[in-house]
Amino acid sequence: SPGDEKTWSILVHLGGIFLGWLSPLIGYVALKDRGPFVRAHVVAALNFQLTLLIAYVIGVVSSLFFVGILVLIAAAVLAVVFSVIAAVAASNGQYYRYPLTIEFVR
């Protein structure tokens, strides 16, 4: 039902804040065939979290320099802000594309 699609989409986006890339990956495996709305949100969340994973790795590697700490802080803030925006869009029944995201999964 449309209500269930919205709920799952919201949970996948917000789950990314707490579980990182694991929540969208589980959502992708379990929910990708539930409908186009859920699939679009799960794919968007997964691509965003994988992009953030790359940013976290770069931040950790370059943390010997001050720049790495700034990258880690910026990635954490972007994860929370964009995930909440995406969850609100999903609750309103709208599609959402995260900015600055590399498309790994289509």
PDB file of N, CA and C in Angstrom:
ATOM      1  N   SER A   1       0.840  -1.183   0.000  1.00  0.00           N
ATOM      2  CA  SER A   1       0.000   0.000   0.000  1.00  0.00           C
ATOM      3  C   SER A   1       0.887   1.249   0.000  1.00  0.00           C
ATOM      4  N   PRO A   2       0.347   2.369  -0.430  1.00  0.00           N
ATOM      5  CA  PRO A   2       1.152   3.606  -0.461  1.00  0.00           C
ATOM      6  C   PRO A   2       1.659   4.026   0.917  1.00  0.00           C
ATOM      7  N   GLY A   3       0.876   3.780   1.953  1.00  0.00           N
ATOM      8  CA  GLY A   3       1.327   4.119   3.304  1.00  0.00           C
ATOM      9  C   GLY A   3       2.536   3.299   3.723  1.00  0.00           C
ATOM     10  N   ASP A   4       2.516   2.011   3.381  1.00  0.00           N
ATOM     11  CA  ASP A   4       3.666   1.157   3.689  1.00  0.00           C
ATOM     12  C   ASP A   4       4.898   1.576   2.911  1.00  0.00           C
ATOM     13  N   GLU A   5       4.700   1.970   1.644  1.00  0.00           N
ATOM     14  CA  GLU A   5       5.835   2.419   0.833  1.00  0.00           C
ATOM     15  C   GLU A   5       6.482   3.654   1.445  1.00  0.00           C
ATOM     16  N   LYS A   6       5.661   4.577   1.899  1.00  0.00           N
ATOM     17  CA  LYS A   6       6.200   5.781   2.546  1.00  0.00           C
ATOM     18  C   LYS A   6       6.956   5.413   3.825  1.00  0.00           C
ATOM     19  N   THR A   7       6.367   4.545   4.615  1.00  0.00           N
ATOM     20  CA  THR A   7       6.992   4.152   5.884  1.00  0.00           C
ATOM     21  C   THR A   7       8.351   3.507   5.665  1.00  0.00           C
ATOM     22  N   TRP A   8       8.422   2.556   4.735  1.00  0.00           N
ATOM     23  CA  TRP A   8       9.699   1.898   4.470  1.00  0.00           C
ATOM     24  C   TRP A   8      10.723   2.884   3.926  1.00  0.00           C
ATOM     25  N   SER A   9      10.278   3.790   3.076  1.00  0.00           N
ATOM     26  CA  SER A   9      11.203   4.787   2.519  1.00  0.00           C
ATOM     27  C   SER A   9      11.763   5.688   3.613  1.00  0.00           C
ATOM     28  N   ILE A  10      10.896   6.120   4.510  1.00  0.00           N
ATOM     29  CA  ILE A  10      11.339   6.968   5.621  1.00  0.00           C
ATOM     30  C   ILE A  10      12.337   6.212   6.497  1.00  0.00           C
ATOM     31  N   LEU A  11      12.031   4.961   6.813  1.00  0.00           N
ATOM     32  CA  LEU A  11      12.914   4.173   7.680  1.00  0.00           C
ATOM     33  C   LEU A  11      14.284   3.936   7.062  1.00  0.00           C
ATOM     34  N   VAL A  12      14.319   3.732   5.759  1.00  0.00           N
ATOM     35  CA  VAL A  12      15.611   3.513   5.097  1.00  0.00           C
ATOM     36  C   VAL A  12      16.464   4.776   5.165  1.00  0.00           C
ATOM     37  N   HIS A  13      15.850   5.930   4.923  1.00  0.00           N
ATOM     38  CA  HIS A  13      16.611   7.187   4.989  1.00  0.00           C
ATOM     39  C   HIS A  13      17.109   7.463   6.407  1.00  0.00           C
ATOM     40  N   LEU A  14      16.240   7.331   7.379  1.00  0.00           N
ATOM     41  CA  LEU A  14      16.640   7.610   8.763  1.00  0.00           C
ATOM     42  C   LEU A  14      17.568   6.538   9.306  1.00  0.00           C
ATOM     43  N   GLY A  15      17.419   5.316   8.843  1.00  0.00           N
ATOM     44  CA  GLY A  15      18.315   4.248   9.259  1.00  0.00           C
ATOM     45  C   GLY A  15      19.749   4.512   8.840  1.00  0.00           C
ATOM     46  N   GLY A  16      19.915   5.231   7.733  1.00  0.00           N
ATOM     47  CA  GLY A  16      21.251   5.587   7.274  1.00  0.00           C
ATOM     48  C   GLY A  16      21.994   6.479   8.252  1.00  0.00           C
ATOM     49  N   ILE A  17      21.266   7.255   9.028  1.00  0.00           N
ATOM     50  CA  ILE A  17      21.911   8.122  10.022  1.00  0.00           C
ATOM     51  C   ILE A  17      22.573   7.271  11.103  1.00  0.00           C
ATOM     52  N   PHE A  18      21.890   6.220  11.509  1.00  0.00           N
ATOM     53  CA  PHE A  18      22.366   5.420  12.639  1.00  0.00           C
ATOM     54  C   PHE A  18      23.212   4.219  12.227  1.00  0.00           C
ATOM     55  N   LEU A  19      22.886   3.611  11.089  1.00  0.00           N
ATOM     56  CA  LEU A  19      23.579   2.392  10.671  1.00  0.00           C
ATOM     57  C   LEU A  19      24.455   2.573   9.441  1.00  0.00           C
ATOM     58  N   GLY A  20      24.509   3.783   8.912  1.00  0.00           N
ATOM     59  CA  GLY A  20      25.342   4.039   7.735  1.00  0.00           C
ATOM     60  C   GLY A  20      24.834   3.311   6.507  1.00  0.00           C
ATOM     61  N   TRP A  21      25.737   2.708   5.769  1.00  0.00           N
ATOM     62  CA  TRP A  21      25.383   2.059   4.507  1.00  0.00           C
ATOM     63  C   TRP A  21      24.641   0.743   4.705  1.00  0.00           C
ATOM     64  N   LEU A  22      24.664   0.200   5.913  1.00  0.00           N
ATOM     65  CA  LEU A  22      24.042  -1.096   6.169  1.00  0.00           C
ATOM     66  C   LEU A  22      22.517  -1.042   6.041  1.00  0.00           C
ATOM     67  N   SER A  23      21.896  -0.007   6.559  1.00  0.00           N
ATOM     68  CA  SER A  23      20.440   0.113   6.494  1.00  0.00           C
ATOM     69  C   SER A  23      19.932   0.186   5.049  1.00  0.00           C
ATOM     70  N   PRO A  24      20.481   1.042   4.193  1.00  0.00           N
ATOM     71  CA  PRO A  24      20.007   1.055   2.815  1.00  0.00           C
ATOM     72  C   PRO A  24      20.324  -0.229   2.052  1.00  0.00           C
ATOM     73  N   LEU A  25      21.432  -0.886   2.398  1.00  0.00           N
ATOM     74  CA  LEU A  25      21.765  -2.139   1.731  1.00  0.00           C
ATOM     75  C   LEU A  25      20.746  -3.224   2.076  1.00  0.00           C
ATOM     76  N   ILE A  26      20.400  -3.340   3.340  1.00  0.00           N
ATOM     77  CA  ILE A  26      19.376  -4.299   3.750  1.00  0.00           C
ATOM     78  C   ILE A  26      18.038  -3.924   3.114  1.00  0.00           C
ATOM     79  N   GLY A  27      17.732  -2.637   3.102  1.00  0.00           N
ATOM     80  CA  GLY A  27      16.500  -2.178   2.462  1.00  0.00           C
ATOM     81  C   GLY A  27      16.469  -2.490   0.982  1.00  0.00           C
ATOM     82  N   TYR A  28      17.602  -2.337   0.329  1.00  0.00           N
ATOM     83  CA  TYR A  28      17.662  -2.634  -1.105  1.00  0.00           C
ATOM     84  C   TYR A  28      17.402  -4.114  -1.367  1.00  0.00           C
ATOM     85  N   VAL A  29      18.048  -4.963  -0.601  1.00  0.00           N
ATOM     86  CA  VAL A  29      17.883  -6.407  -0.796  1.00  0.00           C
ATOM     87  C   VAL A  29      16.440  -6.834  -0.487  1.00  0.00           C
ATOM     88  N   ALA A  30      15.865  -6.292   0.573  1.00  0.00           N
ATOM     89  CA  ALA A  30      14.549  -6.738   1.019  1.00  0.00           C
ATOM     90  C   ALA A  30      13.388  -6.026   0.326  1.00  0.00           C
ATOM     91  N   LEU A  31      13.576  -4.773  -0.088  1.00  0.00           N
ATOM     92  CA  LEU A  31      12.437  -3.959  -0.528  1.00  0.00           C
ATOM     93  C   LEU A  31      12.468  -3.515  -1.984  1.00  0.00           C
ATOM     94  N   LYS A  32      13.486  -3.879  -2.745  1.00  0.00           N
ATOM     95  CA  LYS A  32      13.619  -3.325  -4.092  1.00  0.00           C
ATOM     96  C   LYS A  32      12.468  -3.706  -5.019  1.00  0.00           C
ATOM     97  N   ASP A  33      11.752  -4.768  -4.704  1.00  0.00           N
ATOM     98  CA  ASP A  33      10.647  -5.205  -5.557  1.00  0.00           C
ATOM     99  C   ASP A  33       9.277  -4.816  -5.002  1.00  0.00           C
ATOM    100  N   ARG A  34       9.224  -3.962  -4.018  1.00  0.00           N
ATOM    101  CA  ARG A  34       7.952  -3.559  -3.407  1.00  0.00           C
ATOM    102  C   ARG A  34       7.208  -2.496  -4.206  1.00  0.00           C
ATOM    103  N   GLY A  35       7.870  -1.842  -5.119  1.00  0.00           N
ATOM    104  CA  GLY A  35       7.227  -0.804  -5.917  1.00  0.00           C
ATOM    105  C   GLY A  35       8.246   0.241  -6.336  1.00  0.00           C
ATOM    106  N   PRO A  36       7.883   1.038  -7.340  1.00  0.00           N
ATOM    107  CA  PRO A  36       8.852   2.024  -7.845  1.00  0.00           C
ATOM    108  C   PRO A  36       9.192   3.124  -6.839  1.00  0.00           C
ATOM    109  N   PHE A  37       8.253   3.491  -5.987  1.00  0.00           N
ATOM    110  CA  PHE A  37       8.513   4.542  -5.007  1.00  0.00           C
ATOM    111  C   PHE A  37       9.555   4.077  -3.990  1.00  0.00           C
ATOM    112  N   VAL A  38       9.347   2.898  -3.435  1.00  0.00           N
ATOM    113  CA  VAL A  38      10.292   2.360  -2.453  1.00  0.00           C
ATOM    114  C   VAL A  38      11.643   2.120  -3.101  1.00  0.00           C
ATOM    115  N   ARG A  39      11.640   1.552  -4.297  1.00  0.00           N
ATOM    116  CA  ARG A  39      12.909   1.270  -4.978  1.00  0.00           C
ATOM    117  C   ARG A  39      13.698   2.554  -5.219  1.00  0.00           C
ATOM    118  N   ALA A  40      13.033   3.611  -5.661  1.00  0.00           N
ATOM    119  CA  ALA A  40      13.727   4.879  -5.921  1.00  0.00           C
ATOM    120  C   ALA A  40      14.359   5.425  -4.643  1.00  0.00           C
ATOM    121  N   HIS A  41      13.643   5.357  -3.538  1.00  0.00           N
ATOM    122  CA  HIS A  41      14.178   5.883  -2.281  1.00  0.00           C
ATOM    123  C   HIS A  41      15.292   5.008  -1.722  1.00  0.00           C
ATOM    124  N   VAL A  42      15.137   3.697  -1.842  1.00  0.00           N
ATOM    125  CA  VAL A  42      16.168   2.795  -1.344  1.00  0.00           C
ATOM    126  C   VAL A  42      17.453   2.952  -2.155  1.00  0.00           C
ATOM    127  N   VAL A  43      17.326   3.067  -3.466  1.00  0.00           N
ATOM    128  CA  VAL A  43      18.499   3.252  -4.323  1.00  0.00           C
ATOM    129  C   VAL A  43      19.169   4.591  -4.033  1.00  0.00           C
ATOM    130  N   ALA A  44      18.373   5.644  -3.850  1.00  0.00           N
ATOM    131  CA  ALA A  44      18.943   6.958  -3.537  1.00  0.00           C
ATOM    132  C   ALA A  44      19.691   6.925  -2.210  1.00  0.00           C
ATOM    133  N   ALA A  45      19.096   6.299  -1.208  1.00  0.00           N
ATOM    134  CA  ALA A  45      19.746   6.220   0.110  1.00  0.00           C
ATOM    135  C   ALA A  45      21.018   5.380   0.043  1.00  0.00           C
ATOM    136  N   LEU A  46      20.978   4.276  -0.690  1.00  0.00           N
ATOM    137  CA  LEU A  46      22.158   3.421  -0.802  1.00  0.00           C
ATOM    138  C   LEU A  46      23.296   4.142  -1.513  1.00  0.00           C
ATOM    139  N   ASN A  47      22.997   4.810  -2.606  1.00  0.00           N
ATOM    140  CA  ASN A  47      24.031   5.558  -3.325  1.00  0.00           C
ATOM    141  C   ASN A  47      24.620   6.660  -2.455  1.00  0.00           C
ATOM    142  N   PHE A  48      23.780   7.348  -1.701  1.00  0.00           N
ATOM    143  CA  PHE A  48      24.268   8.412  -0.828  1.00  0.00           C
ATOM    144  C   PHE A  48      25.163   7.855   0.276  1.00  0.00           C
ATOM    145  N   GLN A  49      24.748   6.776   0.893  1.00  0.00           N
ATOM    146  CA  GLN A  49      25.541   6.202   1.978  1.00  0.00           C
ATOM    147  C   GLN A  49      26.858   5.626   1.471  1.00  0.00           C
ATOM    148  N   LEU A  50      26.872   5.072   0.272  1.00  0.00           N
ATOM    149  CA  LEU A  50      28.137   4.587  -0.292  1.00  0.00           C
ATOM    150  C   LEU A  50      29.076   5.753  -0.620  1.00  0.00           C
ATOM    151  N   THR A  51      28.506   6.856  -1.087  1.00  0.00           N
ATOM    152  CA  THR A  51      29.306   8.050  -1.330  1.00  0.00           C
ATOM    153  C   THR A  51      29.878   8.584  -0.010  1.00  0.00           C
ATOM    154  N   LEU A  52      29.062   8.578   1.031  1.00  0.00           N
ATOM    155  CA  LEU A  52      29.548   9.002   2.348  1.00  0.00           C
ATOM    156  C   LEU A  52      30.626   8.061   2.874  1.00  0.00           C
ATOM    157  N   LEU A  53      30.505   6.785   2.596  1.00  0.00           N
ATOM    158  CA  LEU A  53      31.520   5.826   3.014  1.00  0.00           C
ATOM    159  C   LEU A  53      32.870   6.178   2.404  1.00  0.00           C
ATOM    160  N   ILE A  54      32.870   6.565   1.144  1.00  0.00           N
ATOM    161  CA  ILE A  54      34.104   7.002   0.484  1.00  0.00           C
ATOM    162  C   ILE A  54      34.648   8.252   1.178  1.00  0.00           C
ATOM    163  N   ALA A  55      33.762   9.187   1.507  1.00  0.00           N
ATOM    164  CA  ALA A  55      34.197  10.411   2.196  1.00  0.00           C
ATOM    165  C   ALA A  55      34.771  10.092   3.573  1.00  0.00           C
ATOM    166  N   TYR A  56      34.157   9.150   4.282  1.00  0.00           N
ATOM    167  CA  TYR A  56      34.681   8.755   5.598  1.00  0.00           C
ATOM    168  C   TYR A  56      36.061   8.116   5.479  1.00  0.00           C
ATOM    169  N   VAL A  57      36.238   7.263   4.477  1.00  0.00           N
ATOM    170  CA  VAL A  57      37.547   6.623   4.287  1.00  0.00           C
ATOM    171  C   VAL A  57      38.603   7.672   3.966  1.00  0.00           C
ATOM    172  N   ILE A  58      38.275   8.607   3.093  1.00  0.00           N
ATOM    173  CA  ILE A  58      39.213   9.685   2.760  1.00  0.00           C
ATOM    174  C   ILE A  58      39.519  10.523   4.009  1.00  0.00           C
ATOM    175  N   GLY A  59      38.496  10.783   4.819  1.00  0.00           N
ATOM    176  CA  GLY A  59      38.701  11.549   6.048  1.00  0.00           C
ATOM    177  C   GLY A  59      39.604  10.841   7.035  1.00  0.00           C
ATOM    178  N   VAL A  60      39.416   9.534   7.172  1.00  0.00           N
ATOM    179  CA  VAL A  60      40.252   8.770   8.108  1.00  0.00           C
ATOM    180  C   VAL A  60      41.688   8.705   7.610  1.00  0.00           C
ATOM    181  N   VAL A  61      41.848   8.454   6.306  1.00  0.00           N
ATOM    182  CA  VAL A  61      43.197   8.361   5.745  1.00  0.00           C
ATOM    183  C   VAL A  61      43.933   9.695   5.873  1.00  0.00           C
ATOM    184  N   SER A  62      43.228  10.776   5.638  1.00  0.00           N
ATOM    185  CA  SER A  62      43.880  12.082   5.698  1.00  0.00           C
ATOM    186  C   SER A  62      43.760  12.735   7.078  1.00  0.00           C
ATOM    187  N   SER A  63      43.370  11.976   8.079  1.00  0.00           N
ATOM    188  CA  SER A  63      43.226  12.563   9.412  1.00  0.00           C
ATOM    189  C   SER A  63      44.570  12.893  10.062  1.00  0.00           C
ATOM    190  N   LEU A  64      45.639  12.419   9.458  1.00  0.00           N
ATOM    191  CA  LEU A  64      46.945  12.834   9.955  1.00  0.00           C
ATOM    192  C   LEU A  64      47.132  14.333   9.765  1.00  0.00           C
ATOM    193  N   PHE A  65      46.403  14.854   8.818  1.00  0.00           N
ATOM    194  CA  PHE A  65      46.402  16.290   8.570  1.00  0.00           C
ATOM    195  C   PHE A  65      45.097  16.838   9.140  1.00  0.00           C
ATOM    196  N   PHE A  66      45.023  18.095   9.326  1.00  0.00           N
ATOM    197  CA  PHE A  66      43.819  18.722   9.878  1.00  0.00           C
ATOM    198  C   PHE A  66      42.635  18.595   8.935  1.00  0.00           C
ATOM    199  N   VAL A  67      42.907  18.484   7.644  1.00  0.00           N
ATOM    200  CA  VAL A  67      41.849  18.426   6.630  1.00  0.00           C
ATOM    201  C   VAL A  67      40.970  17.194   6.824  1.00  0.00           C
ATOM    202  N   GLY A  68      41.555  16.091   7.215  1.00  0.00           N
ATOM    203  CA  GLY A  68      40.791  14.864   7.398  1.00  0.00           C
ATOM    204  C   GLY A  68      39.717  14.986   8.453  1.00  0.00           C
ATOM    205  N   ILE A  69      40.014  15.692   9.520  1.00  0.00           N
ATOM    206  CA  ILE A  69      39.031  15.896  10.583  1.00  0.00           C
ATOM    207  C   ILE A  69      37.875  16.734  10.063  1.00  0.00           C
ATOM    208  N   LEU A  70      38.179  17.736   9.259  1.00  0.00           N
ATOM    209  CA  LEU A  70      37.118  18.560   8.678  1.00  0.00           C
ATOM    210  C   LEU A  70      36.245  17.754   7.714  1.00  0.00           C
ATOM    211  N   VAL A  71      36.857  16.867   6.957  1.00  0.00           N
ATOM    212  CA  VAL A  71      36.100  16.015   6.035  1.00  0.00           C
ATOM    213  C   VAL A  71      35.163  15.105   6.825  1.00  0.00           C
ATOM    214  N   LEU A  72      35.632  14.520   7.906  1.00  0.00           N
ATOM    215  CA  LEU A  72      34.786  13.653   8.729  1.00  0.00           C
ATOM    216  C   LEU A  72      33.611  14.404   9.347  1.00  0.00           C
ATOM    217  N   ILE A  73      33.872  15.600   9.833  1.00  0.00           N
ATOM    218  CA  ILE A  73      32.802  16.412  10.417  1.00  0.00           C
ATOM    219  C   ILE A  73      31.790  16.804   9.358  1.00  0.00           C
ATOM    220  N   ALA A  74      32.268  17.249   8.210  1.00  0.00           N
ATOM    221  CA  ALA A  74      31.360  17.648   7.131  1.00  0.00           C
ATOM    222  C   ALA A  74      30.521  16.467   6.649  1.00  0.00           C
ATOM    223  N   ALA A  75      31.115  15.303   6.511  1.00  0.00           N
ATOM    224  CA  ALA A  75      30.374  14.125   6.058  1.00  0.00           C
ATOM    225  C   ALA A  75      29.298  13.732   7.073  1.00  0.00           C
ATOM    226  N   ALA A  76      29.612  13.815   8.351  1.00  0.00           N
ATOM    227  CA  ALA A  76      28.628  13.466   9.382  1.00  0.00           C
ATOM    228  C   ALA A  76      27.452  14.443   9.379  1.00  0.00           C
ATOM    229  N   VAL A  77      27.743  15.720   9.227  1.00  0.00           N
ATOM    230  CA  VAL A  77      26.677  16.724   9.186  1.00  0.00           C
ATOM    231  C   VAL A  77      25.810  16.533   7.943  1.00  0.00           C
ATOM    232  N   LEU A  78      26.448  16.308   6.799  1.00  0.00           N
ATOM    233  CA  LEU A  78      25.688  16.082   5.565  1.00  0.00           C
ATOM    234  C   LEU A  78      24.829  14.828   5.659  1.00  0.00           C
ATOM    235  N   ALA A  79      25.323  13.805   6.319  1.00  0.00           N
ATOM    236  CA  ALA A  79      24.550  12.571   6.476  1.00  0.00           C
ATOM    237  C   ALA A  79      23.246  12.832   7.222  1.00  0.00           C
ATOM    238  N   VAL A  80      23.322  13.577   8.295  1.00  0.00           N
ATOM    239  CA  VAL A  80      22.123  13.859   9.086  1.00  0.00           C
ATOM    240  C   VAL A  80      21.177  14.787   8.327  1.00  0.00           C
ATOM    241  N   VAL A  81      21.693  15.881   7.810  1.00  0.00           N
ATOM    242  CA  VAL A  81      20.842  16.888   7.168  1.00  0.00           C
ATOM    243  C   VAL A  81      20.138  16.317   5.936  1.00  0.00           C
ATOM    244  N   PHE A  82      20.891  15.704   5.038  1.00  0.00           N
ATOM    245  CA  PHE A  82      20.275  15.211   3.809  1.00  0.00           C
ATOM    246  C   PHE A  82      19.375  14.009   4.054  1.00  0.00           C
ATOM    247  N   SER A  83      19.683  13.187   5.044  1.00  0.00           N
ATOM    248  CA  SER A  83      18.813  12.051   5.350  1.00  0.00           C
ATOM    249  C   SER A  83      17.469  12.515   5.909  1.00  0.00           C
ATOM    250  N   VAL A  84      17.497  13.538   6.734  1.00  0.00           N
ATOM    251  CA  VAL A  84      16.239  14.078   7.268  1.00  0.00           C
ATOM    252  C   VAL A  84      15.425  14.728   6.145  1.00  0.00           C
ATOM    253  N   ILE A  85      16.081  15.464   5.269  1.00  0.00           N
ATOM    254  CA  ILE A  85      15.373  16.076   4.135  1.00  0.00           C
ATOM    255  C   ILE A  85      14.750  14.994   3.261  1.00  0.00           C
ATOM    256  N   ALA A  86      15.477  13.919   3.002  1.00  0.00           N
ATOM    257  CA  ALA A  86      14.960  12.825   2.176  1.00  0.00           C
ATOM    258  C   ALA A  86      13.792  12.128   2.868  1.00  0.00           C
ATOM    259  N   ALA A  87      13.876  11.951   4.178  1.00  0.00           N
ATOM    260  CA  ALA A  87      12.779  11.312   4.915  1.00  0.00           C
ATOM    261  C   ALA A  87      11.517  12.171   4.874  1.00  0.00           C
ATOM    262  N   VAL A  88      11.671  13.474   4.972  1.00  0.00           N
ATOM    263  CA  VAL A  88      10.522  14.376   4.886  1.00  0.00           C
ATOM    264  C   VAL A  88       9.914  14.315   3.484  1.00  0.00           C
ATOM    265  N   ALA A  89      10.753  14.287   2.463  1.00  0.00           N
ATOM    266  CA  ALA A  89      10.241  14.167   1.090  1.00  0.00           C
ATOM    267  C   ALA A  89       9.493  12.846   0.913  1.00  0.00           C
ATOM    268  N   ALA A  90      10.021  11.767   1.465  1.00  0.00           N
ATOM    269  CA  ALA A  90       9.347  10.468   1.362  1.00  0.00           C
ATOM    270  C   ALA A  90       8.011  10.487   2.093  1.00  0.00           C
ATOM    271  N   SER A  91       7.960  11.138   3.242  1.00  0.00           N
ATOM    272  CA  SER A  91       6.695  11.199   3.986  1.00  0.00           C
ATOM    273  C   SER A  91       5.646  12.022   3.248  1.00  0.00           C
ATOM    274  N   ASN A  92       6.092  12.950   2.405  1.00  0.00           N
ATOM    275  CA  ASN A  92       5.168  13.742   1.592  1.00  0.00           C
ATOM    276  C   ASN A  92       4.838  13.078   0.265  1.00  0.00           C
ATOM    277  N   GLY A  93       5.371  11.880   0.030  1.00  0.00           N
ATOM    278  CA  GLY A  93       5.091  11.159  -1.208  1.00  0.00           C
ATOM    279  C   GLY A  93       5.880  11.662  -2.401  1.00  0.00           C
ATOM    280  N   GLN A  94       6.983  12.361  -2.145  1.00  0.00           N
ATOM    281  CA  GLN A  94       7.800  12.917  -3.215  1.00  0.00           C
ATOM    282  C   GLN A  94       9.071  12.100  -3.385  1.00  0.00           C
ATOM    283  N   TYR A  95       9.564  12.082  -4.609  1.00  0.00           N
ATOM    284  CA  TYR A  95      10.853  11.454  -4.877  1.00  0.00           C
ATOM    285  C   TYR A  95      11.946  12.428  -4.467  1.00  0.00           C
ATOM    286  N   TYR A  96      13.120  11.898  -4.124  1.00  0.00           N
ATOM    287  CA  TYR A  96      14.224  12.752  -3.691  1.00  0.00           C
ATOM    288  C   TYR A  96      15.534  12.193  -4.217  1.00  0.00           C
ATOM    289  N   ARG A  97      16.370  13.091  -4.709  1.00  0.00           N
ATOM    290  CA  ARG A  97      17.731  12.726  -5.113  1.00  0.00           C
ATOM    291  C   ARG A  97      18.698  13.509  -4.249  1.00  0.00           C
ATOM    292  N   TYR A  98      19.598  12.785  -3.624  1.00  0.00           N
ATOM    293  CA  TYR A  98      20.619  13.427  -2.794  1.00  0.00           C
ATOM    294  C   TYR A  98      21.596  14.182  -3.693  1.00  0.00           C
ATOM    295  N   PRO A  99      21.993  15.387  -3.280  1.00  0.00           N
ATOM    296  CA  PRO A  99      23.021  16.089  -4.055  1.00  0.00           C
ATOM    297  C   PRO A  99      24.403  15.474  -3.781  1.00  0.00           C
ATOM    298  N   LEU A 100      25.312  15.688  -4.695  1.00  0.00           N
ATOM    299  CA  LEU A 100      26.701  15.257  -4.553  1.00  0.00           C
ATOM    300  C   LEU A 100      26.849  13.740  -4.397  1.00  0.00           C
ATOM    301  N   THR A 101      25.977  12.976  -5.045  1.00  0.00           N
ATOM    302  CA  THR A 101      25.980  11.527  -4.873  1.00  0.00           C
ATOM    303  C   THR A 101      26.459  10.842  -6.139  1.00  0.00           C
ATOM    304  N   ILE A 102      27.318   9.854  -5.955  1.00  0.00           N
ATOM    305  CA  ILE A 102      27.770   9.016  -7.065  1.00  0.00           C
ATOM    306  C   ILE A 102      26.756   7.889  -7.226  1.00  0.00           C
ATOM    307  N   GLU A 103      26.330   7.635  -8.451  1.00  0.00           N
ATOM    308  CA  GLU A 103      25.348   6.563  -8.689  1.00  0.00           C
ATOM    309  C   GLU A 103      26.054   5.228  -8.895  1.00  0.00           C
ATOM    310  N   PHE A 104      26.074   4.428  -7.847  1.00  0.00           N
ATOM    311  CA  PHE A 104      26.627   3.089  -7.926  1.00  0.00           C
ATOM    312  C   PHE A 104      25.550   2.095  -8.354  1.00  0.00           C
ATOM    313  N   VAL A 105      24.343   2.277  -7.838  1.00  0.00           N
ATOM    314  CA  VAL A 105      23.212   1.386  -8.098  1.00  0.00           C
ATOM    315  C   VAL A 105      22.156   2.197  -8.829  1.00  0.00           C
ATOM    316  N   ARG A 106      21.550   1.573  -9.817  1.00  0.00           N
ATOM    317  CA  ARG A 106      20.485   2.267 -10.558  1.00  0.00           C
ATOM    318  C   ARG A 106      19.156   1.629 -10.332  1.00  0.00           C
TER     319      ARG A 106
END
